[in-house]
Amino acid sequence: MQENKNQVWYASSLRPYRRNEPWYYNAENIPWASKLEKSWATWKDEIANFIKEQDSKFISTAAFYEKIDTGKNWNAVMLLFWGVKISNELKKKCPHLNHLLQEIPGLVSISISRLNAHSTIAEHEGDTNAIMRCHIGIEIPEELPACGFKVNGEEKSWGEGKCLLFNDAYRHSAWNNSDKRRIILIVDAIRPEFLRKKNLICAFIITRHVSYLYDKIKFIRMMPVFIKTILFAFIVGCIYVLKPVYNLLK
């Protein structure tokens, strides 16, 4: 039986995502994505210079993805994480790009992802079906088959200045078998049908990532499931209330 398409799916449910929905979206049908592509010439130098400045600030993505560890080969600079402002540097250094991103309805995450030469990101699913994830090519060394991306079995190439949009809930993987690094800008936007749940979705996902850390603490790990559930709900509530205040002060 198919689940309600308007129901939010979370990976933490441990239920496989089996909805009959598109796994790729056409950028031409998404106004903000189309605008980003058409404006590529106005912001490509901004982002290139910004990446040079941020080179030493890339951190391993193992901190954000459970059970995916590519060592130093896959790393990122996080600027906005599920609605929480991490850095204001993009606004200062990339004004044209920042203006375009701030116009995106339901914008919740911005990051720059670097995949080193001869590296692979194992197949995995994202946190939820509630977002459209957009990969925008910044430095793309080669096209398929050497360098590419696969969602639900369908392979595609990135293109510099081009948006590759997909449903993050489907299983996906990436590889770069070229001799140069691959860099993309990643943007997450809440899907229109879930916009009214934006803040709750963000609070839930942030709490899930926090739980990766606190579950490594022995006395928490040994707690009964119902106590862990109460703790999880408490953290969700705190983040839901405090996140807007934090962002105002950032």
C-alpha atoms as a PDB file:
ATOM      1  CA  MET A   1       0.000   0.000   0.000  1.00  0.00           C
ATOM      2  CA  GLN A   2       1.368   3.419  -0.973  1.00  0.00           C
ATOM      3  CA  GLU A   3       1.784   5.972   1.788  1.00  0.00           C
ATOM      4  CA  ASN A   4       0.166   9.394   1.616  1.00  0.00           C
ATOM      5  CA  LYS A   5       2.340  11.554  -0.641  1.00  0.00           C
ATOM      6  CA  ASN A   6       1.741  14.546   1.614  1.00  0.00           C
ATOM      7  CA  GLN A   7       3.180  12.706   4.604  1.00  0.00           C
ATOM      8  CA  VAL A   8       6.733  13.502   5.673  1.00  0.00           C
ATOM      9  CA  TRP A   9       9.062  10.497   5.610  1.00  0.00           C
ATOM     10  CA  TYR A  10      12.105  10.397   7.902  1.00  0.00           C
ATOM     11  CA  ALA A  11      15.034   8.000   7.572  1.00  0.00           C
ATOM     12  CA  SER A  12      14.954   7.593  11.351  1.00  0.00           C
ATOM     13  CA  SER A  13      11.702   5.640  10.939  1.00  0.00           C
ATOM     14  CA  LEU A  14      13.899   2.800   9.590  1.00  0.00           C
ATOM     15  CA  ARG A  15      11.229   2.155   6.946  1.00  0.00           C
ATOM     16  CA  PRO A  16      12.453   2.125   3.319  1.00  0.00           C
ATOM     17  CA  TYR A  17      11.217   4.953   1.107  1.00  0.00           C
ATOM     18  CA  ARG A  18       8.850   3.358  -1.405  1.00  0.00           C
ATOM     19  CA  ARG A  19       6.737   6.220  -2.723  1.00  0.00           C
ATOM     20  CA  ASN A  20       5.903   6.461  -6.408  1.00  0.00           C
ATOM     21  CA  GLU A  21       7.449   9.911  -6.884  1.00  0.00           C
ATOM     22  CA  PRO A  22      10.058  11.390  -9.254  1.00  0.00           C
ATOM     23  CA  TRP A  23      13.645  10.970  -8.072  1.00  0.00           C
ATOM     24  CA  TYR A  24      14.971  13.767 -10.291  1.00  0.00           C
ATOM     25  CA  TYR A  25      13.350  17.186 -10.801  1.00  0.00           C
ATOM     26  CA  ASN A  26      13.644  19.319 -13.940  1.00  0.00           C
ATOM     27  CA  ALA A  27      15.400  22.624 -13.162  1.00  0.00           C
ATOM     28  CA  GLU A  28      13.396  24.306 -15.927  1.00  0.00           C
ATOM     29  CA  ASN A  29      10.236  23.690 -13.892  1.00  0.00           C
ATOM     30  CA  ILE A  30      11.702  25.140 -10.680  1.00  0.00           C
ATOM     31  CA  PRO A  31      11.831  28.970 -10.992  1.00  0.00           C
ATOM     32  CA  TRP A  32      14.613  29.523  -8.444  1.00  0.00           C
ATOM     33  CA  ALA A  33      16.790  26.789  -9.955  1.00  0.00           C
ATOM     34  CA  SER A  34      16.304  28.156 -13.453  1.00  0.00           C
ATOM     35  CA  LYS A  35      17.229  31.641 -12.201  1.00  0.00           C
ATOM     36  CA  LEU A  36      20.416  30.339 -10.566  1.00  0.00           C
ATOM     37  CA  GLU A  37      21.474  28.731 -13.844  1.00  0.00           C
ATOM     38  CA  LYS A  38      20.717  31.802 -15.934  1.00  0.00           C
ATOM     39  CA  SER A  39      22.640  34.003 -13.471  1.00  0.00           C
ATOM     40  CA  TRP A  40      25.732  31.748 -13.369  1.00  0.00           C
ATOM     41  CA  ALA A  41      27.945  34.388 -15.013  1.00  0.00           C
ATOM     42  CA  THR A  42      27.156  36.904 -12.249  1.00  0.00           C
ATOM     43  CA  TRP A  43      28.257  34.692  -9.357  1.00  0.00           C
ATOM     44  CA  LYS A  44      30.730  32.077 -10.628  1.00  0.00           C
ATOM     45  CA  ASP A  45      33.804  34.226  -9.859  1.00  0.00           C
ATOM     46  CA  GLU A  46      32.414  35.043  -6.391  1.00  0.00           C
ATOM     47  CA  ILE A  47      32.070  31.402  -5.451  1.00  0.00           C
ATOM     48  CA  ALA A  48      35.419  30.434  -6.989  1.00  0.00           C
ATOM     49  CA  ASN A  49      37.228  33.048  -4.886  1.00  0.00           C
ATOM     50  CA  PHE A  50      35.216  32.079  -1.814  1.00  0.00           C
ATOM     51  CA  ILE A  51      36.225  28.419  -2.200  1.00  0.00           C
ATOM     52  CA  LYS A  52      39.902  29.427  -2.360  1.00  0.00           C
ATOM     53  CA  GLU A  53      39.506  31.366   0.892  1.00  0.00           C
ATOM     54  CA  GLN A  54      37.673  28.498   2.600  1.00  0.00           C
ATOM     55  CA  ASP A  55      40.109  25.773   1.519  1.00  0.00           C
ATOM     56  CA  SER A  56      41.384  25.041   5.028  1.00  0.00           C
ATOM     57  CA  LYS A  57      37.867  25.100   6.539  1.00  0.00           C
ATOM     58  CA  PHE A  58      36.458  22.045   4.771  1.00  0.00           C
ATOM     59  CA  ILE A  59      35.608  19.324   7.289  1.00  0.00           C
ATOM     60  CA  SER A  60      34.843  15.629   6.878  1.00  0.00           C
ATOM     61  CA  THR A  61      31.209  14.859   6.136  1.00  0.00           C
ATOM     62  CA  ALA A  62      31.416  11.902   8.520  1.00  0.00           C
ATOM     63  CA  ALA A  63      30.153  14.361  11.146  1.00  0.00           C
ATOM     64  CA  PHE A  64      26.865  14.729   9.252  1.00  0.00           C
ATOM     65  CA  TYR A  65      26.259  11.241   7.827  1.00  0.00           C
ATOM     66  CA  GLU A  66      25.911   8.122   9.910  1.00  0.00           C
ATOM     67  CA  LYS A  67      27.797   5.062   8.631  1.00  0.00           C
ATOM     68  CA  ILE A  68      29.379   6.942   5.685  1.00  0.00           C
ATOM     69  CA  ASP A  69      33.069   7.567   6.100  1.00  0.00           C
ATOM     70  CA  THR A  70      35.292   8.502   3.165  1.00  0.00           C
ATOM     71  CA  GLY A  71      38.070   9.845   5.364  1.00  0.00           C
ATOM     72  CA  LYS A  72      39.398  13.119   4.011  1.00  0.00           C
ATOM     73  CA  ASN A  73      38.160  12.451   0.489  1.00  0.00           C
ATOM     74  CA  TRP A  74      34.640  13.865   0.950  1.00  0.00           C
ATOM     75  CA  ASN A  75      34.403  17.095   2.892  1.00  0.00           C
ATOM     76  CA  ALA A  76      32.338  20.235   3.075  1.00  0.00           C
ATOM     77  CA  VAL A  77      31.937  23.788   4.288  1.00  0.00           C
ATOM     78  CA  MET A  78      28.565  24.176   5.995  1.00  0.00           C
ATOM     79  CA  LEU A  79      26.937  27.625   5.764  1.00  0.00           C
ATOM     80  CA  LEU A  80      23.303  26.923   6.678  1.00  0.00           C
ATOM     81  CA  PHE A  81      22.299  23.656   8.336  1.00  0.00           C
ATOM     82  CA  TRP A  82      18.595  22.836   8.512  1.00  0.00           C
ATOM     83  CA  GLY A  83      17.665  26.451   9.146  1.00  0.00           C
ATOM     84  CA  VAL A  84      20.531  27.176  11.550  1.00  0.00           C
ATOM     85  CA  LYS A  85      22.965  29.864  10.400  1.00  0.00           C
ATOM     86  CA  ILE A  86      26.502  28.523  10.603  1.00  0.00           C
ATOM     87  CA  SER A  87      28.318  31.350   8.846  1.00  0.00           C
ATOM     88  CA  ASN A  88      27.606  34.816   7.407  1.00  0.00           C
ATOM     89  CA  GLU A  89      30.628  34.664   5.104  1.00  0.00           C
ATOM     90  CA  LEU A  90      28.608  33.869   1.980  1.00  0.00           C
ATOM     91  CA  LYS A  91      26.600  37.074   2.437  1.00  0.00           C
ATOM     92  CA  LYS A  92      29.810  39.087   2.730  1.00  0.00           C
ATOM     93  CA  LYS A  93      31.866  37.453  -0.016  1.00  0.00           C
ATOM     94  CA  CYS A  94      29.216  36.339  -2.530  1.00  0.00           C
ATOM     95  CA  PRO A  95      26.508  39.045  -2.553  1.00  0.00           C
ATOM     96  CA  HIS A  96      25.021  38.114  -5.948  1.00  0.00           C
ATOM     97  CA  LEU A  97      24.787  34.419  -5.099  1.00  0.00           C
ATOM     98  CA  ASN A  98      23.525  35.087  -1.584  1.00  0.00           C
ATOM     99  CA  HIS A  99      20.739  37.301  -2.931  1.00  0.00           C
ATOM    100  CA  LEU A 100      19.600  34.523  -5.280  1.00  0.00           C
ATOM    101  CA  LEU A 101      19.682  31.917  -2.523  1.00  0.00           C
ATOM    102  CA  GLN A 102      17.712  34.043  -0.075  1.00  0.00           C
ATOM    103  CA  GLU A 103      14.890  34.237  -2.639  1.00  0.00           C
ATOM    104  CA  ILE A 104      14.424  30.453  -2.557  1.00  0.00           C
ATOM    105  CA  PRO A 105      11.123  29.492  -0.859  1.00  0.00           C
ATOM    106  CA  GLY A 106      11.753  27.103   2.009  1.00  0.00           C
ATOM    107  CA  LEU A 107      15.551  27.408   1.944  1.00  0.00           C
ATOM    108  CA  VAL A 108      16.980  25.360   4.840  1.00  0.00           C
ATOM    109  CA  SER A 109      20.545  24.305   3.979  1.00  0.00           C
ATOM    110  CA  ILE A 110      23.565  25.617   2.053  1.00  0.00           C
ATOM    111  CA  SER A 111      26.941  23.907   1.830  1.00  0.00           C
ATOM    112  CA  ILE A 112      29.919  23.462  -0.477  1.00  0.00           C
ATOM    113  CA  SER A 113      30.895  19.840  -1.076  1.00  0.00           C
ATOM    114  CA  ARG A 114      34.316  18.663  -2.248  1.00  0.00           C
ATOM    115  CA  LEU A 115      34.980  15.133  -3.511  1.00  0.00           C
ATOM    116  CA  ASN A 116      38.635  14.419  -4.140  1.00  0.00           C
ATOM    117  CA  ALA A 117      40.029  12.606  -7.153  1.00  0.00           C
ATOM    118  CA  HIS A 118      39.468   8.825  -7.325  1.00  0.00           C
ATOM    119  CA  SER A 119      36.881   8.809  -4.549  1.00  0.00           C
ATOM    120  CA  THR A 120      33.433   7.297  -4.126  1.00  0.00           C
ATOM    121  CA  ILE A 121      30.496   8.126  -1.857  1.00  0.00           C
ATOM    122  CA  ALA A 122      28.674   4.921  -0.969  1.00  0.00           C
ATOM    123  CA  GLU A 123      24.968   4.576  -1.690  1.00  0.00           C
ATOM    124  CA  HIS A 124      22.823   6.056   1.066  1.00  0.00           C
ATOM    125  CA  GLU A 125      19.507   7.830   1.652  1.00  0.00           C
ATOM    126  CA  GLY A 126      19.008  11.325   3.024  1.00  0.00           C
ATOM    127  CA  ASP A 127      17.176  12.395   6.153  1.00  0.00           C
ATOM    128  CA  THR A 128      13.741  13.055   4.660  1.00  0.00           C
ATOM    129  CA  ASN A 129      11.586  13.337   1.547  1.00  0.00           C
ATOM    130  CA  ALA A 130      10.508  16.851   2.604  1.00  0.00           C
ATOM    131  CA  ILE A 131      13.235  18.628   0.612  1.00  0.00           C
ATOM    132  CA  MET A 132      14.410  19.079  -2.928  1.00  0.00           C
ATOM    133  CA  ARG A 133      18.190  18.822  -2.854  1.00  0.00           C
ATOM    134  CA  CYS A 134      19.994  20.805  -5.525  1.00  0.00           C
ATOM    135  CA  HIS A 135      23.583  20.153  -6.619  1.00  0.00           C
ATOM    136  CA  ILE A 136      25.041  23.091  -8.552  1.00  0.00           C
ATOM    137  CA  GLY A 137      28.252  22.296 -10.398  1.00  0.00           C
ATOM    138  CA  ILE A 138      31.187  24.575  -9.524  1.00  0.00           C
ATOM    139  CA  GLU A 139      34.233  22.505 -10.530  1.00  0.00           C
ATOM    140  CA  ILE A 140      33.286  19.431 -12.561  1.00  0.00           C
ATOM    141  CA  PRO A 141      36.405  17.672 -13.925  1.00  0.00           C
ATOM    142  CA  GLU A 142      34.635  15.184 -16.216  1.00  0.00           C
ATOM    143  CA  GLU A 143      31.223  13.829 -17.185  1.00  0.00           C
ATOM    144  CA  LEU A 144      29.986  10.237 -17.050  1.00  0.00           C
ATOM    145  CA  PRO A 145      31.286   7.617 -16.762  1.00  0.00           C
ATOM    146  CA  ALA A 146      34.335   9.043 -14.951  1.00  0.00           C
ATOM    147  CA  CYS A 147      32.458  11.444 -12.692  1.00  0.00           C
ATOM    148  CA  GLY A 148      28.784  11.238 -11.884  1.00  0.00           C
ATOM    149  CA  PHE A 149      25.802  10.819  -9.626  1.00  0.00           C
ATOM    150  CA  LYS A 150      23.150   8.098  -9.329  1.00  0.00           C
ATOM    151  CA  VAL A 151      19.674   8.283  -7.809  1.00  0.00           C
ATOM    152  CA  ASN A 152      17.444   5.202  -7.674  1.00  0.00           C
ATOM    153  CA  GLY A 153      19.612   3.532 -10.328  1.00  0.00           C
ATOM    154  CA  GLU A 154      19.600   6.445 -12.820  1.00  0.00           C
ATOM    155  CA  GLU A 155      22.970   8.068 -13.544  1.00  0.00           C
ATOM    156  CA  LYS A 156      23.543  11.721 -14.433  1.00  0.00           C
ATOM    157  CA  SER A 157      26.482  14.082 -14.875  1.00  0.00           C
ATOM    158  CA  TRP A 158      26.925  17.388 -13.088  1.00  0.00           C
ATOM    159  CA  GLY A 159      27.511  20.493 -15.189  1.00  0.00           C
ATOM    160  CA  GLU A 160      29.225  23.711 -14.171  1.00  0.00           C
ATOM    161  CA  GLY A 161      26.568  26.317 -13.420  1.00  0.00           C
ATOM    162  CA  LYS A 162      23.836  23.696 -13.815  1.00  0.00           C
ATOM    163  CA  CYS A 163      21.334  22.514 -11.206  1.00  0.00           C
ATOM    164  CA  LEU A 164      20.853  18.805 -10.601  1.00  0.00           C
ATOM    165  CA  LEU A 165      17.778  18.427  -8.383  1.00  0.00           C
ATOM    166  CA  PHE A 166      16.625  15.225  -6.730  1.00  0.00           C
ATOM    167  CA  ASN A 167      14.539  13.700  -3.968  1.00  0.00           C
ATOM    168  CA  ASP A 168      17.040  13.053  -1.179  1.00  0.00           C
ATOM    169  CA  ALA A 169      14.975  10.196   0.267  1.00  0.00           C
ATOM    170  CA  TYR A 170      15.855   7.856  -2.608  1.00  0.00           C
ATOM    171  CA  ARG A 171      19.073   5.854  -2.407  1.00  0.00           C
ATOM    172  CA  HIS A 172      21.888   7.731  -4.130  1.00  0.00           C
ATOM    173  CA  SER A 173      25.654   7.651  -4.607  1.00  0.00           C
ATOM    174  CA  ALA A 174      28.435   9.638  -6.270  1.00  0.00           C
ATOM    175  CA  TRP A 175      31.905   9.061  -7.657  1.00  0.00           C
ATOM    176  CA  ASN A 176      34.857  10.979  -9.034  1.00  0.00           C
ATOM    177  CA  ASN A 177      37.294   8.751 -10.897  1.00  0.00           C
ATOM    178  CA  SER A 178      39.039  11.688 -12.558  1.00  0.00           C
ATOM    179  CA  ASP A 179      42.426  13.122 -11.596  1.00  0.00           C
ATOM    180  CA  LYS A 180      40.944  16.382 -10.266  1.00  0.00           C
ATOM    181  CA  ARG A 181      38.595  17.331  -7.441  1.00  0.00           C
ATOM    182  CA  ARG A 182      34.844  17.799  -7.890  1.00  0.00           C
ATOM    183  CA  ILE A 183      33.145  20.725  -6.133  1.00  0.00           C
ATOM    184  CA  ILE A 184      29.427  21.432  -5.970  1.00  0.00           C
ATOM    185  CA  LEU A 185      27.205  23.882  -4.114  1.00  0.00           C
ATOM    186  CA  ILE A 186      24.418  22.046  -2.285  1.00  0.00           C
ATOM    187  CA  VAL A 187      21.122  23.801  -1.585  1.00  0.00           C
ATOM    188  CA  ASP A 188      18.126  22.266   0.199  1.00  0.00           C
ATOM    189  CA  ALA A 189      14.618  23.690  -0.089  1.00  0.00           C
ATOM    190  CA  ILE A 190      11.475  22.386   1.569  1.00  0.00           C
ATOM    191  CA  ARG A 191       9.031  21.033  -0.999  1.00  0.00           C
ATOM    192  CA  PRO A 192       5.976  23.317  -1.448  1.00  0.00           C
ATOM    193  CA  GLU A 193       3.528  20.801   0.023  1.00  0.00           C
ATOM    194  CA  PHE A 194       5.552  20.650   3.253  1.00  0.00           C
ATOM    195  CA  LEU A 195       6.332  24.360   3.710  1.00  0.00           C
ATOM    196  CA  ARG A 196       3.930  24.827   6.619  1.00  0.00           C
ATOM    197  CA  LYS A 197       5.912  22.156   8.523  1.00  0.00           C
ATOM    198  CA  LYS A 198       9.305  23.707   7.762  1.00  0.00           C
ATOM    199  CA  ASN A 199      10.373  24.602  11.308  1.00  0.00           C
ATOM    200  CA  LEU A 200       9.252  21.295  12.787  1.00  0.00           C
ATOM    201  CA  ILE A 201      11.023  19.327  10.034  1.00  0.00           C
ATOM    202  CA  CYS A 202      14.238  21.261  10.659  1.00  0.00           C
ATOM    203  CA  ALA A 203      14.018  20.730  14.427  1.00  0.00           C
ATOM    204  CA  PHE A 204      13.418  17.002  13.953  1.00  0.00           C
ATOM    205  CA  ILE A 205      16.380  16.531  11.577  1.00  0.00           C
ATOM    206  CA  ILE A 206      18.769  18.565  13.733  1.00  0.00           C
ATOM    207  CA  THR A 207      17.758  16.440  16.723  1.00  0.00           C
ATOM    208  CA  ARG A 208      18.414  13.297  14.714  1.00  0.00           C
ATOM    209  CA  HIS A 209      21.961  14.462  14.041  1.00  0.00           C
ATOM    210  CA  VAL A 210      22.421  15.407  17.691  1.00  0.00           C
ATOM    211  CA  SER A 211      21.286  11.909  18.614  1.00  0.00           C
ATOM    212  CA  TYR A 212      24.225  10.437  16.648  1.00  0.00           C
ATOM    213  CA  LEU A 213      26.464  12.108  19.212  1.00  0.00           C
ATOM    214  CA  TYR A 214      24.551  11.619  22.444  1.00  0.00           C
ATOM    215  CA  ASP A 215      23.899   7.948  21.668  1.00  0.00           C
ATOM    216  CA  LYS A 216      27.670   7.420  21.951  1.00  0.00           C
ATOM    217  CA  ILE A 217      27.400   8.308  25.651  1.00  0.00           C
ATOM    218  CA  LYS A 218      27.119   5.030  27.515  1.00  0.00           C
ATOM    219  CA  PHE A 219      24.462   5.962  30.091  1.00  0.00           C
ATOM    220  CA  ILE A 220      22.219   7.421  27.342  1.00  0.00           C
ATOM    221  CA  ARG A 221      22.783   4.420  25.109  1.00  0.00           C
ATOM    222  CA  MET A 222      21.692   2.151  27.968  1.00  0.00           C
ATOM    223  CA  MET A 223      18.454   4.074  28.617  1.00  0.00           C
ATOM    224  CA  PRO A 224      15.099   2.355  27.927  1.00  0.00           C
ATOM    225  CA  VAL A 225      13.635   3.206  24.513  1.00  0.00           C
ATOM    226  CA  PHE A 226      10.730   5.185  25.968  1.00  0.00           C
ATOM    227  CA  ILE A 227      13.169   7.418  27.916  1.00  0.00           C
ATOM    228  CA  LYS A 228      15.195   8.000  24.743  1.00  0.00           C
ATOM    229  CA  THR A 229      11.962   8.906  22.952  1.00  0.00           C
ATOM    230  CA  ILE A 230      11.098  11.467  25.622  1.00  0.00           C
ATOM    231  CA  LEU A 231      14.634  12.906  25.447  1.00  0.00           C
ATOM    232  CA  PHE A 232      14.386  13.132  21.655  1.00  0.00           C
ATOM    233  CA  ALA A 233      11.034  14.936  21.842  1.00  0.00           C
ATOM    234  CA  PHE A 234      12.404  17.337  24.457  1.00  0.00           C
ATOM    235  CA  ILE A 235      15.357  18.267  22.240  1.00  0.00           C
ATOM    236  CA  VAL A 236      13.048  18.737  19.235  1.00  0.00           C
ATOM    237  CA  GLY A 237      10.944  21.164  21.264  1.00  0.00           C
ATOM    238  CA  CYS A 238      13.973  23.108  22.490  1.00  0.00           C
ATOM    239  CA  ILE A 239      15.389  23.473  18.984  1.00  0.00           C
ATOM    240  CA  TYR A 240      11.997  24.453  17.576  1.00  0.00           C
ATOM    241  CA  VAL A 241      11.748  27.315  20.089  1.00  0.00           C
ATOM    242  CA  LEU A 242      15.386  28.401  20.284  1.00  0.00           C
ATOM    243  CA  LYS A 243      16.507  28.159  16.643  1.00  0.00           C
ATOM    244  CA  PRO A 244      14.754  31.397  15.509  1.00  0.00           C
ATOM    245  CA  VAL A 245      16.239  33.248  18.494  1.00  0.00           C
ATOM    246  CA  TYR A 246      19.730  31.947  17.721  1.00  0.00           C
ATOM    247  CA  ASN A 247      19.444  33.032  14.086  1.00  0.00           C
ATOM    248  CA  LEU A 248      18.412  36.541  15.106  1.00  0.00           C
ATOM    249  CA  LEU A 249      21.509  36.840  17.267  1.00  0.00           C
ATOM    250  CA  LYS A 250      23.895  35.255  14.736  1.00  0.00           C
END
